[in-house]
PDB file of N, CA and C in Angstrom:
ATOM      1  N   MET A   1       1.807   4.337  17.547  1.00  0.00           N
ATOM      2  CA  MET A   1       3.391   5.194  17.631  1.00  0.00           C
ATOM      3  C   MET A   1       3.362   5.874  19.181  1.00  0.00           C
ATOM      4  N   SER A   2       4.522   6.483  19.192  1.00  0.00           N
ATOM      5  CA  SER A   2       5.037   7.534  20.532  1.00  0.00           C
ATOM      6  C   SER A   2       5.817   8.271  19.845  1.00  0.00           C
ATOM      7  N   ARG A   3       5.871   8.943  20.686  1.00  0.00           N
ATOM      8  CA  ARG A   3       7.535  10.209  20.892  1.00  0.00           C
ATOM      9  C   ARG A   3       8.393   9.629  20.233  1.00  0.00           C
ATOM     10  N   ASP A   4       8.595   8.464  20.761  1.00  0.00           N
ATOM     11  CA  ASP A   4       9.640   7.570  21.051  1.00  0.00           C
ATOM     12  C   ASP A   4      10.185   7.218  20.015  1.00  0.00           C
ATOM     13  N   ALA A   5       9.112   6.700  19.574  1.00  0.00           N
ATOM     14  CA  ALA A   5       9.203   5.913  17.919  1.00  0.00           C
ATOM     15  C   ALA A   5       9.235   6.775  16.742  1.00  0.00           C
ATOM     16  N   VAL A   6       9.140   7.812  16.796  1.00  0.00           N
ATOM     17  CA  VAL A   6       9.207   9.083  15.823  1.00  0.00           C
ATOM     18  C   VAL A   6      10.114   9.187  16.033  1.00  0.00           C
ATOM     19  N   ASN A   7      11.040   9.338  17.341  1.00  0.00           N
ATOM     20  CA  ASN A   7      12.287   9.889  17.239  1.00  0.00           C
ATOM     21  C   ASN A   7      12.891   8.794  16.326  1.00  0.00           C
ATOM     22  N   ALA A   8      12.819   7.565  16.906  1.00  0.00           N
ATOM     23  CA  ALA A   8      13.912   6.477  16.273  1.00  0.00           C
ATOM     24  C   ALA A   8      13.508   6.103  14.510  1.00  0.00           C
ATOM     25  N   ILE A   9      12.646   7.088  14.362  1.00  0.00           N
ATOM     26  CA  ILE A   9      12.070   6.985  12.545  1.00  0.00           C
ATOM     27  C   ILE A   9      13.097   8.221  11.982  1.00  0.00           C
ATOM     28  N   CYS A  10      13.120   9.407  13.091  1.00  0.00           N
ATOM     29  CA  CYS A  10      14.036  10.501  12.581  1.00  0.00           C
ATOM     30  C   CYS A  10      15.326   9.889  12.621  1.00  0.00           C
ATOM     31  N   LYS A  11      15.968   8.857  13.587  1.00  0.00           N
ATOM     32  CA  LYS A  11      17.335   8.781  14.083  1.00  0.00           C
ATOM     33  C   LYS A  11      17.742   8.080  12.586  1.00  0.00           C
ATOM     34  N   THR A  12      17.346   7.183  12.220  1.00  0.00           N
ATOM     35  CA  THR A  12      17.686   6.387  11.015  1.00  0.00           C
ATOM     36  C   THR A  12      17.935   7.193   9.698  1.00  0.00           C
ATOM     37  N   LEU A  13      17.890   8.413   9.365  1.00  0.00           N
ATOM     38  CA  LEU A  13      17.683   9.596   7.870  1.00  0.00           C
ATOM     39  C   LEU A  13      18.946   9.730   8.020  1.00  0.00           C
ATOM     40  N   PRO A  14      19.627   9.474   6.865  1.00  0.00           N
ATOM     41  CA  PRO A  14      21.495  10.429   6.904  1.00  0.00           C
ATOM     42  C   PRO A  14      21.168  11.613   6.902  1.00  0.00           C
ATOM     43  N   GLY A  15      22.447  11.641   8.165  1.00  0.00           N
ATOM     44  CA  GLY A  15      22.424  13.146   8.176  1.00  0.00           C
ATOM     45  C   GLY A  15      21.313  13.957   9.307  1.00  0.00           C
ATOM     46  N   ALA A  16      20.839  12.944  10.134  1.00  0.00           N
ATOM     47  CA  ALA A  16      19.763  13.722  10.880  1.00  0.00           C
ATOM     48  C   ALA A  16      20.269  14.307  11.753  1.00  0.00           C
ATOM     49  N   GLU A  17      19.939  15.417  12.579  1.00  0.00           N
ATOM     50  CA  GLU A  17      20.610  15.986  13.447  1.00  0.00           C
ATOM     51  C   GLU A  17      19.298  15.933  14.698  1.00  0.00           C
ATOM     52  N   HIS A  18      19.268  15.789  15.883  1.00  0.00           N
ATOM     53  CA  HIS A  18      18.407  16.347  16.908  1.00  0.00           C
ATOM     54  C   HIS A  18      19.184  17.139  18.046  1.00  0.00           C
ATOM     55  N   SER A  19      18.142  18.026  18.319  1.00  0.00           N
ATOM     56  CA  SER A  19      18.480  19.431  19.167  1.00  0.00           C
ATOM     57  C   SER A  19      17.107  19.889  20.311  1.00  0.00           C
ATOM     58  N   ASP A  20      17.530  20.548  20.631  1.00  0.00           N
ATOM     59  CA  ASP A  20      16.275  21.063  21.487  1.00  0.00           C
ATOM     60  C   ASP A  20      16.927  22.884  21.347  1.00  0.00           C
ATOM     61  N   PRO A  21      16.543  23.313  20.087  1.00  0.00           N
ATOM     62  CA  PRO A  21      17.190  25.081  20.041  1.00  0.00           C
ATOM     63  C   PRO A  21      16.369  25.454  20.918  1.00  0.00           C
ATOM     64  N   TRP A  22      14.955  25.797  21.305  1.00  0.00           N
ATOM     65  CA  TRP A  22      14.394  26.383  22.415  1.00  0.00           C
ATOM     66  C   TRP A  22      14.447  25.891  23.551  1.00  0.00           C
ATOM     67  N   GLY A  23      14.426  25.012  24.121  1.00  0.00           N
ATOM     68  CA  GLY A  23      14.739  24.599  25.972  1.00  0.00           C
ATOM     69  C   GLY A  23      13.632  23.812  25.727  1.00  0.00           C
ATOM     70  N   GLY A  24      13.683  23.038  26.974  1.00  0.00           N
ATOM     71  CA  GLY A  24      12.143  22.651  27.503  1.00  0.00           C
ATOM     72  C   GLY A  24      11.586  21.166  27.068  1.00  0.00           C
ATOM     73  N   GLY A  25      12.537  20.312  26.149  1.00  0.00           N
ATOM     74  CA  GLY A  25      11.929  19.378  25.534  1.00  0.00           C
ATOM     75  C   GLY A  25      11.543  19.241  24.170  1.00  0.00           C
ATOM     76  N   HIS A  26      11.634  20.103  23.405  1.00  0.00           N
ATOM     77  CA  HIS A  26      11.430  20.045  22.290  1.00  0.00           C
ATOM     78  C   HIS A  26      12.552  18.966  21.419  1.00  0.00           C
ATOM     79  N   ASP A  27      11.569  18.340  20.659  1.00  0.00           N
ATOM     80  CA  ASP A  27      12.669  17.423  19.687  1.00  0.00           C
ATOM     81  C   ASP A  27      12.606  17.877  18.424  1.00  0.00           C
ATOM     82  N   CYS A  28      13.552  18.566  17.598  1.00  0.00           N
ATOM     83  CA  CYS A  28      13.704  19.159  16.390  1.00  0.00           C
ATOM     84  C   CYS A  28      14.708  18.152  15.584  1.00  0.00           C
ATOM     85  N   TRP A  29      14.759  17.790  14.616  1.00  0.00           N
ATOM     86  CA  TRP A  29      15.029  17.205  13.890  1.00  0.00           C
ATOM     87  C   TRP A  29      15.585  17.960  12.497  1.00  0.00           C
ATOM     88  N   LYS A  30      16.674  18.018  12.260  1.00  0.00           N
ATOM     89  CA  LYS A  30      17.299  18.979  11.247  1.00  0.00           C
ATOM     90  C   LYS A  30      18.432  18.087  10.282  1.00  0.00           C
ATOM     91  N   ILE A  31      18.438  18.701   9.561  1.00  0.00           N
ATOM     92  CA  ILE A  31      19.276  18.019   8.088  1.00  0.00           C
ATOM     93  C   ILE A  31      20.038  19.089   7.641  1.00  0.00           C
ATOM     94  N   GLY A  32      21.203  19.406   7.511  1.00  0.00           N
ATOM     95  CA  GLY A  32      22.151  20.323   7.348  1.00  0.00           C
ATOM     96  C   GLY A  32      21.411  21.575   7.821  1.00  0.00           C
ATOM     97  N   GLY A  33      21.085  21.569   8.944  1.00  0.00           N
ATOM     98  CA  GLY A  33      21.016  22.612   9.719  1.00  0.00           C
ATOM     99  C   GLY A  33      19.193  23.272   9.669  1.00  0.00           C
ATOM    100  N   LYS A  34      18.356  22.601   8.794  1.00  0.00           N
ATOM    101  CA  LYS A  34      17.128  23.071   8.181  1.00  0.00           C
ATOM    102  C   LYS A  34      16.155  22.013   9.476  1.00  0.00           C
ATOM    103  N   ILE A  35      15.002  22.098   9.944  1.00  0.00           N
ATOM    104  CA  ILE A  35      14.041  21.370  10.253  1.00  0.00           C
ATOM    105  C   ILE A  35      13.526  20.869   9.255  1.00  0.00           C
ATOM    106  N   PHE A  36      13.666  19.540   9.578  1.00  0.00           N
ATOM    107  CA  PHE A  36      12.734  18.696   8.826  1.00  0.00           C
ATOM    108  C   PHE A  36      11.596  17.677   9.974  1.00  0.00           C
ATOM    109  N   ALA A  37      11.484  17.967  10.340  1.00  0.00           N
ATOM    110  CA  ALA A  37      10.450  17.331  11.939  1.00  0.00           C
ATOM    111  C   ALA A  37      10.767  17.783  12.892  1.00  0.00           C
ATOM    112  N   LEU A  38       9.226  17.956  13.706  1.00  0.00           N
ATOM    113  CA  LEU A  38       9.193  18.559  15.342  1.00  0.00           C
ATOM    114  C   LEU A  38       8.035  18.587  16.089  1.00  0.00           C
ATOM    115  N   ILE A  39       8.658  17.898  17.000  1.00  0.00           N
ATOM    116  CA  ILE A  39       7.866  17.566  18.623  1.00  0.00           C
ATOM    117  C   ILE A  39       7.851  18.754  19.427  1.00  0.00           C
ATOM    118  N   GLY A  40       6.866  19.606  19.692  1.00  0.00           N
ATOM    119  CA  GLY A  40       6.406  20.270  20.408  1.00  0.00           C
ATOM    120  C   GLY A  40       7.189  20.091  21.731  1.00  0.00           C
ATOM    121  N   ALA A  41       7.670  20.629  22.932  1.00  0.00           N
ATOM    122  CA  ALA A  41       7.669  20.021  24.327  1.00  0.00           C
ATOM    123  C   ALA A  41       6.720  19.456  25.166  1.00  0.00           C
ATOM    124  N   ALA A  42       5.120  20.166  24.668  1.00  0.00           N
ATOM    125  CA  ALA A  42       3.852  19.231  25.431  1.00  0.00           C
ATOM    126  C   ALA A  42       2.973  18.877  25.115  1.00  0.00           C
ATOM    127  N   GLU A  43       3.736  18.731  23.652  1.00  0.00           N
ATOM    128  CA  GLU A  43       2.920  17.888  22.083  1.00  0.00           C
ATOM    129  C   GLU A  43       2.953  16.708  21.952  1.00  0.00           C
ATOM    130  N   ASP A  44       2.042  15.752  21.696  1.00  0.00           N
ATOM    131  CA  ASP A  44       2.069  14.388  21.162  1.00  0.00           C
ATOM    132  C   ASP A  44       1.945  14.529  20.023  1.00  0.00           C
ATOM    133  N   ARG A  45       2.409  15.577  18.914  1.00  0.00           N
ATOM    134  CA  ARG A  45       2.428  15.730  17.385  1.00  0.00           C
ATOM    135  C   ARG A  45       3.668  16.238  17.003  1.00  0.00           C
ATOM    136  N   VAL A  46       3.692  15.349  15.658  1.00  0.00           N
ATOM    137  CA  VAL A  46       5.491  15.882  15.301  1.00  0.00           C
ATOM    138  C   VAL A  46       4.570  16.809  13.850  1.00  0.00           C
ATOM    139  N   SER A  47       5.516  17.734  13.694  1.00  0.00           N
ATOM    140  CA  SER A  47       5.439  18.660  12.271  1.00  0.00           C
ATOM    141  C   SER A  47       6.303  18.420  11.703  1.00  0.00           C
ATOM    142  N   VAL A  48       5.124  18.416   9.808  1.00  0.00           N
ATOM    143  CA  VAL A  48       6.610  17.788   8.775  1.00  0.00           C
ATOM    144  C   VAL A  48       6.158  19.056   7.690  1.00  0.00           C
ATOM    145  N   LYS A  49       6.971  18.948   6.572  1.00  0.00           N
ATOM    146  CA  LYS A  49       6.414  19.700   5.547  1.00  0.00           C
ATOM    147  C   LYS A  49       6.045  18.577   4.584  1.00  0.00           C
ATOM    148  N   CYS A  50       5.183  19.905   4.184  1.00  0.00           N
ATOM    149  CA  CYS A  50       4.570  19.072   2.736  1.00  0.00           C
ATOM    150  C   CYS A  50       5.212  18.950   1.094  1.00  0.00           C
ATOM    151  N   ASP A  51       5.150  18.947   0.224  1.00  0.00           N
ATOM    152  CA  ASP A  51       6.006  19.287  -1.223  1.00  0.00           C
ATOM    153  C   ASP A  51       5.046  20.664  -1.518  1.00  0.00           C
ATOM    154  N   SER A  52       3.808  20.764  -0.772  1.00  0.00           N
ATOM    155  CA  SER A  52       2.947  22.187  -1.354  1.00  0.00           C
ATOM    156  C   SER A  52       1.643  22.396  -0.406  1.00  0.00           C
ATOM    157  N   ILE A  53       1.566  23.462  -0.735  1.00  0.00           N
ATOM    158  CA  ILE A  53       0.182  23.961   0.651  1.00  0.00           C
ATOM    159  C   ILE A  53      -0.929  23.149   0.228  1.00  0.00           C
ATOM    160  N   ASP A  54      -0.957  23.079  -1.063  1.00  0.00           N
ATOM    161  CA  ASP A  54      -2.480  22.448  -1.199  1.00  0.00           C
ATOM    162  C   ASP A  54      -2.348  20.897  -0.950  1.00  0.00           C
ATOM    163  N   THR A  55      -0.875  20.240  -0.518  1.00  0.00           N
ATOM    164  CA  THR A  55      -1.051  18.872  -0.304  1.00  0.00           C
ATOM    165  C   THR A  55      -1.460  18.684   1.363  1.00  0.00           C
ATOM    166  N   ALA A  56      -1.109  20.022   2.231  1.00  0.00           N
ATOM    167  CA  ALA A  56      -1.199  20.190   2.755  1.00  0.00           C
ATOM    168  C   ALA A  56      -2.372  20.737   4.114  1.00  0.00           C
ATOM    169  N   GLN A  57      -3.080  21.107   2.691  1.00  0.00           N
ATOM    170  CA  GLN A  57      -4.568  21.453   2.607  1.00  0.00           C
ATOM    171  C   GLN A  57      -4.881  19.880   2.913  1.00  0.00           C
ATOM    172  N   MET A  58      -5.284  19.229   1.874  1.00  0.00           N
ATOM    173  CA  MET A  58      -5.420  18.046   1.471  1.00  0.00           C
ATOM    174  C   MET A  58      -6.125  17.458   2.704  1.00  0.00           C
ATOM    175  N   LEU A  59      -4.760  17.195   3.161  1.00  0.00           N
ATOM    176  CA  LEU A  59      -4.180  16.070   4.671  1.00  0.00           C
ATOM    177  C   LEU A  59      -5.380  16.957   5.919  1.00  0.00           C
ATOM    178  N   ILE A  60      -4.898  18.028   5.803  1.00  0.00           N
ATOM    179  CA  ILE A  60      -5.816  19.026   7.079  1.00  0.00           C
ATOM    180  C   ILE A  60      -7.490  18.298   6.613  1.00  0.00           C
ATOM    181  N   GLU A  61      -7.948  19.045   5.418  1.00  0.00           N
ATOM    182  CA  GLU A  61      -9.241  18.200   5.532  1.00  0.00           C
ATOM    183  C   GLU A  61      -9.654  17.350   5.555  1.00  0.00           C
ATOM    184  N   ALA A  62      -8.932  16.047   5.320  1.00  0.00           N
ATOM    185  CA  ALA A  62      -8.754  14.833   4.728  1.00  0.00           C
ATOM    186  C   ALA A  62      -8.905  14.564   6.788  1.00  0.00           C
ATOM    187  N   GLY A  63      -8.854  14.610   7.325  1.00  0.00           N
ATOM    188  CA  GLY A  63      -8.639  14.694   9.072  1.00  0.00           C
ATOM    189  C   GLY A  63      -7.101  13.754   9.331  1.00  0.00           C
ATOM    190  N   VAL A  64      -6.260  13.812   8.810  1.00  0.00           N
ATOM    191  CA  VAL A  64      -4.858  12.638   8.604  1.00  0.00           C
ATOM    192  C   VAL A  64      -3.674  13.867   9.470  1.00  0.00           C
ATOM    193  N   ALA A  65      -4.080  15.130   9.795  1.00  0.00           N
ATOM    194  CA  ALA A  65      -3.061  16.253  10.001  1.00  0.00           C
ATOM    195  C   ALA A  65      -4.481  17.566  10.185  1.00  0.00           C
ATOM    196  N   THR A  66      -3.153  18.370  10.815  1.00  0.00           N
ATOM    197  CA  THR A  66      -3.837  19.540  11.345  1.00  0.00           C
ATOM    198  C   THR A  66      -2.627  20.335  11.166  1.00  0.00           C
ATOM    199  N   LYS A  67      -3.232  21.556  11.222  1.00  0.00           N
ATOM    200  CA  LYS A  67      -2.076  22.634  10.882  1.00  0.00           C
ATOM    201  C   LYS A  67      -0.821  22.925  12.025  1.00  0.00           C
ATOM    202  N   ALA A  68       0.378  22.717  11.739  1.00  0.00           N
ATOM    203  CA  ALA A  68       1.513  22.789  12.037  1.00  0.00           C
ATOM    204  C   ALA A  68       1.336  24.955  12.842  1.00  0.00           C
ATOM    205  N   PRO A  69       1.485  24.285  14.249  1.00  0.00           N
ATOM    206  CA  PRO A  69       1.643  25.497  14.826  1.00  0.00           C
ATOM    207  C   PRO A  69       2.921  26.258  15.115  1.00  0.00           C
ATOM    208  N   TYR A  70       3.228  27.929  14.110  1.00  0.00           N
ATOM    209  CA  TYR A  70       3.759  28.651  14.247  1.00  0.00           C
ATOM    210  C   TYR A  70       5.221  27.852  12.939  1.00  0.00           C
ATOM    211  N   MET A  71       4.219  26.987  12.009  1.00  0.00           N
ATOM    212  CA  MET A  71       5.547  27.211  10.676  1.00  0.00           C
ATOM    213  C   MET A  71       3.937  27.438   9.235  1.00  0.00           C
ATOM    214  N   HIS A  72       4.921  27.243   8.275  1.00  0.00           N
ATOM    215  CA  HIS A  72       4.272  27.807   7.164  1.00  0.00           C
ATOM    216  C   HIS A  72       3.325  26.633   6.531  1.00  0.00           C
ATOM    217  N   ARG A  73       2.196  27.406   5.433  1.00  0.00           N
ATOM    218  CA  ARG A  73       1.074  26.687   5.605  1.00  0.00           C
ATOM    219  C   ARG A  73       1.222  25.708   4.628  1.00  0.00           C
ATOM    220  N   SER A  74       2.641  25.396   4.209  1.00  0.00           N
ATOM    221  CA  SER A  74       2.759  23.735   3.972  1.00  0.00           C
ATOM    222  C   SER A  74       3.947  23.018   4.911  1.00  0.00           C
ATOM    223  N   TRP A  75       3.369  22.885   5.962  1.00  0.00           N
ATOM    224  CA  TRP A  75       3.480  21.533   7.107  1.00  0.00           C
ATOM    225  C   TRP A  75       2.217  21.834   7.642  1.00  0.00           C
ATOM    226  N   VAL A  76       2.777  20.400   8.262  1.00  0.00           N
ATOM    227  CA  VAL A  76       1.054  19.861   8.873  1.00  0.00           C
ATOM    228  C   VAL A  76       1.807  18.939  10.490  1.00  0.00           C
ATOM    229  N   ALA A  77       0.932  18.842  11.066  1.00  0.00           N
ATOM    230  CA  ALA A  77       1.360  18.051  12.564  1.00  0.00           C
ATOM    231  C   ALA A  77       0.473  17.104  12.252  1.00  0.00           C
ATOM    232  N   LEU A  78       1.058  15.930  12.513  1.00  0.00           N
ATOM    233  CA  LEU A  78       0.249  14.786  12.780  1.00  0.00           C
ATOM    234  C   LEU A  78       0.565  14.349  14.043  1.00  0.00           C
ATOM    235  N   PRO A  79      -0.548  13.386  14.525  1.00  0.00           N
ATOM    236  CA  PRO A  79      -0.487  12.888  15.843  1.00  0.00           C
ATOM    237  C   PRO A  79       0.623  11.899  16.121  1.00  0.00           C
ATOM    238  N   CYS A  80       1.454  11.885  16.563  1.00  0.00           N
ATOM    239  CA  CYS A  80       2.869  11.022  17.232  1.00  0.00           C
ATOM    240  C   CYS A  80       2.351   9.351  17.222  1.00  0.00           C
ATOM    241  N   ASP A  81       0.454   9.197  17.582  1.00  0.00           N
ATOM    242  CA  ASP A  81      -0.025   7.731  17.498  1.00  0.00           C
ATOM    243  C   ASP A  81      -0.821   7.658  16.076  1.00  0.00           C
ATOM    244  N   ALA A  82      -0.426   8.624  15.167  1.00  0.00           N
ATOM    245  CA  ALA A  82      -0.744   7.528  14.203  1.00  0.00           C
ATOM    246  C   ALA A  82      -0.314   6.846  13.124  1.00  0.00           C
ATOM    247  N   ALA A  83      -1.362   6.343  12.202  1.00  0.00           N
ATOM    248  CA  ALA A  83      -0.007   4.529  11.648  1.00  0.00           C
ATOM    249  C   ALA A  83       0.918   4.869  11.208  1.00  0.00           C
ATOM    250  N   ALA A  84       1.955   3.903  11.558  1.00  0.00           N
ATOM    251  CA  ALA A  84       3.259   3.801  11.714  1.00  0.00           C
ATOM    252  C   ALA A  84       3.503   4.020  10.347  1.00  0.00           C
ATOM    253  N   ASP A  85       3.069   3.476   9.610  1.00  0.00           N
ATOM    254  CA  ASP A  85       3.093   3.820   7.307  1.00  0.00           C
ATOM    255  C   ASP A  85       3.260   5.386   7.459  1.00  0.00           C
ATOM    256  N   GLU A  86       1.860   5.698   7.999  1.00  0.00           N
ATOM    257  CA  GLU A  86       1.869   7.120   7.703  1.00  0.00           C
ATOM    258  C   GLU A  86       2.905   8.095   8.118  1.00  0.00           C
ATOM    259  N   LEU A  87       3.306   8.078   9.705  1.00  0.00           N
ATOM    260  CA  LEU A  87       4.394   8.485   9.924  1.00  0.00           C
ATOM    261  C   LEU A  87       5.547   8.714   9.379  1.00  0.00           C
ATOM    262  N   GLU A  88       5.984   7.368   9.027  1.00  0.00           N
ATOM    263  CA  GLU A  88       7.048   7.099   8.714  1.00  0.00           C
ATOM    264  C   GLU A  88       7.179   7.738   7.327  1.00  0.00           C
ATOM    265  N   HIS A  89       6.277   7.311   6.208  1.00  0.00           N
ATOM    266  CA  HIS A  89       6.231   8.204   4.890  1.00  0.00           C
ATOM    267  C   HIS A  89       5.838   9.696   4.934  1.00  0.00           C
ATOM    268  N   ARG A  90       5.393  10.601   5.711  1.00  0.00           N
ATOM    269  CA  ARG A  90       5.452  11.784   6.094  1.00  0.00           C
ATOM    270  C   ARG A  90       6.560  12.166   6.180  1.00  0.00           C
ATOM    271  N   ILE A  91       7.581  11.634   7.877  1.00  0.00           N
ATOM    272  CA  ILE A  91       8.714  12.154   7.941  1.00  0.00           C
ATOM    273  C   ILE A  91      10.250  11.708   6.544  1.00  0.00           C
ATOM    274  N   THR A  92       9.436  10.933   6.404  1.00  0.00           N
ATOM    275  CA  THR A  92      10.575  10.251   5.362  1.00  0.00           C
ATOM    276  C   THR A  92      10.570  11.967   4.028  1.00  0.00           C
ATOM    277  N   GLN A  93       9.262  11.651   3.430  1.00  0.00           N
ATOM    278  CA  GLN A  93       8.754  12.775   2.616  1.00  0.00           C
ATOM    279  C   GLN A  93       9.935  14.360   2.659  1.00  0.00           C
ATOM    280  N   SER A  94       9.062  14.499   4.043  1.00  0.00           N
ATOM    281  CA  SER A  94       9.685  15.868   4.694  1.00  0.00           C
ATOM    282  C   SER A  94      11.340  16.080   4.437  1.00  0.00           C
ATOM    283  N   TYR A  95      11.965  15.084   4.671  1.00  0.00           N
ATOM    284  CA  TYR A  95      13.233  14.912   5.243  1.00  0.00           C
ATOM    285  C   TYR A  95      13.746  15.175   3.517  1.00  0.00           C
ATOM    286  N   ARG A  96      13.240  14.457   2.400  1.00  0.00           N
ATOM    287  CA  ARG A  96      13.813  14.332   1.278  1.00  0.00           C
ATOM    288  C   ARG A  96      13.184  15.925   0.843  1.00  0.00           C
ATOM    289  N   LEU A  97      12.634  16.118   1.251  1.00  0.00           N
ATOM    290  CA  LEU A  97      12.366  17.683   0.436  1.00  0.00           C
ATOM    291  C   LEU A  97      13.142  18.782   0.784  1.00  0.00           C
ATOM    292  N   ILE A  98      13.737  18.433   2.511  1.00  0.00           N
ATOM    293  CA  ILE A  98      14.589  19.412   3.138  1.00  0.00           C
ATOM    294  C   ILE A  98      15.846  19.353   2.526  1.00  0.00           C
ATOM    295  N   ARG A  99      16.314  17.662   2.117  1.00  0.00           N
ATOM    296  CA  ARG A  99      17.417  17.336   1.839  1.00  0.00           C
ATOM    297  C   ARG A  99      17.866  17.979   0.601  1.00  0.00           C
ATOM    298  N   ALA A 100      16.488  17.867  -0.726  1.00  0.00           N
ATOM    299  CA  ALA A 100      16.803  18.480  -2.294  1.00  0.00           C
ATOM    300  C   ALA A 100      16.848  19.788  -1.795  1.00  0.00           C
ATOM    301  N   SER A 101      16.260  20.619  -0.676  1.00  0.00           N
ATOM    302  CA  SER A 101      16.928  22.252  -0.573  1.00  0.00           C
ATOM    303  C   SER A 101      17.740  22.645  -0.495  1.00  0.00           C
ATOM    304  N   LEU A 102      19.248  21.806   0.098  1.00  0.00           N
ATOM    305  CA  LEU A 102      20.360  21.962   0.525  1.00  0.00           C
ATOM    306  C   LEU A 102      21.363  22.502  -0.567  1.00  0.00           C
ATOM    307  N   THR A 103      22.299  22.669  -0.445  1.00  0.00           N
ATOM    308  CA  THR A 103      23.259  22.774  -1.738  1.00  0.00           C
ATOM    309  C   THR A 103      23.991  21.313  -1.998  1.00  0.00           C
ATOM    310  N   ARG A 104      24.369  21.486  -3.130  1.00  0.00           N
ATOM    311  CA  ARG A 104      24.742  20.224  -4.079  1.00  0.00           C
ATOM    312  C   ARG A 104      26.036  19.820  -3.039  1.00  0.00           C
ATOM    313  N   LYS A 105      26.451  20.622  -2.773  1.00  0.00           N
ATOM    314  CA  LYS A 105      27.903  20.439  -1.883  1.00  0.00           C
ATOM    315  C   LYS A 105      27.275  19.335  -0.835  1.00  0.00           C
ATOM    316  N   ALA A 106      26.862  20.118   0.294  1.00  0.00           N
ATOM    317  CA  ALA A 106      25.879  19.934   1.301  1.00  0.00           C
ATOM    318  C   ALA A 106      25.328  18.517   1.319  1.00  0.00           C
ATOM    319  N   GLN A 107      24.285  18.529   0.103  1.00  0.00           N
ATOM    320  CA  GLN A 107      24.222  17.124  -0.775  1.00  0.00           C
ATOM    321  C   GLN A 107      24.889  16.046  -0.817  1.00  0.00           C
ATOM    322  N   ALA A 108      25.798  16.461  -1.504  1.00  0.00           N
ATOM    323  CA  ALA A 108      27.155  15.357  -1.598  1.00  0.00           C
ATOM    324  C   ALA A 108      27.778  14.567  -0.200  1.00  0.00           C
ATOM    325  N   ALA A 109      27.935  15.503   0.585  1.00  0.00           N
ATOM    326  CA  ALA A 109      28.318  15.328   2.424  1.00  0.00           C
ATOM    327  C   ALA A 109      27.753  14.243   2.416  1.00  0.00           C
ATOM    328  N   LEU A 110      26.337  13.819   1.857  1.00  0.00           N
ATOM    329  CA  LEU A 110      25.903  13.032   3.107  1.00  0.00           C
ATOM    330  C   LEU A 110      25.548  11.296   2.549  1.00  0.00           C
ATOM    331  N   ALA A 111      25.160  10.511   3.205  1.00  0.00           N
ATOM    332  CA  ALA A 111      24.988   9.247   3.103  1.00  0.00           C
ATOM    333  C   ALA A 111      24.188   9.113   2.171  1.00  0.00           C
ATOM    334  N   PRO A 112      24.265   8.239   1.031  1.00  0.00           N
ATOM    335  CA  PRO A 112      22.772   8.165   0.501  1.00  0.00           C
ATOM    336  C   PRO A 112      21.765   7.726   1.241  1.00  0.00           C
ATOM    337  N   LEU A 113      20.418   7.856   0.404  1.00  0.00           N
ATOM    338  CA  LEU A 113      18.978   7.657   0.896  1.00  0.00           C
ATOM    339  C   LEU A 113      18.707   6.497   0.165  1.00  0.00           C
ATOM    340  N   ASP A 114      18.474   5.210   1.293  1.00  0.00           N
ATOM    341  CA  ASP A 114      17.634   3.855  -0.348  1.00  0.00           C
ATOM    342  C   ASP A 114      16.499   4.642  -0.283  1.00  0.00           C
TER     343      ASP A 114
END
């Protein structure tokens, strides 16, 4: 996959919004104003949230991901050329975690996720 393919996955998620808050070509994907996926301006990796620090550490130890720079320890960075199913799964899981952290009102305003 590529950066464009990762952005295509993010774009399909209900309520997902793209921005470049720091300028310079970042691809920052948010739901309800909270980041769920981030590609740095000069990077070919996407940072996503895991359900726990333990899950993030397991992915790092397994060689699937690396620590996401500048993010909490529950975030990992996956190469944009990782297996398509792995990227889609991790991006969708990150989206679900962030979406679940929104207020009930904000969640109710979003289209359902298949």
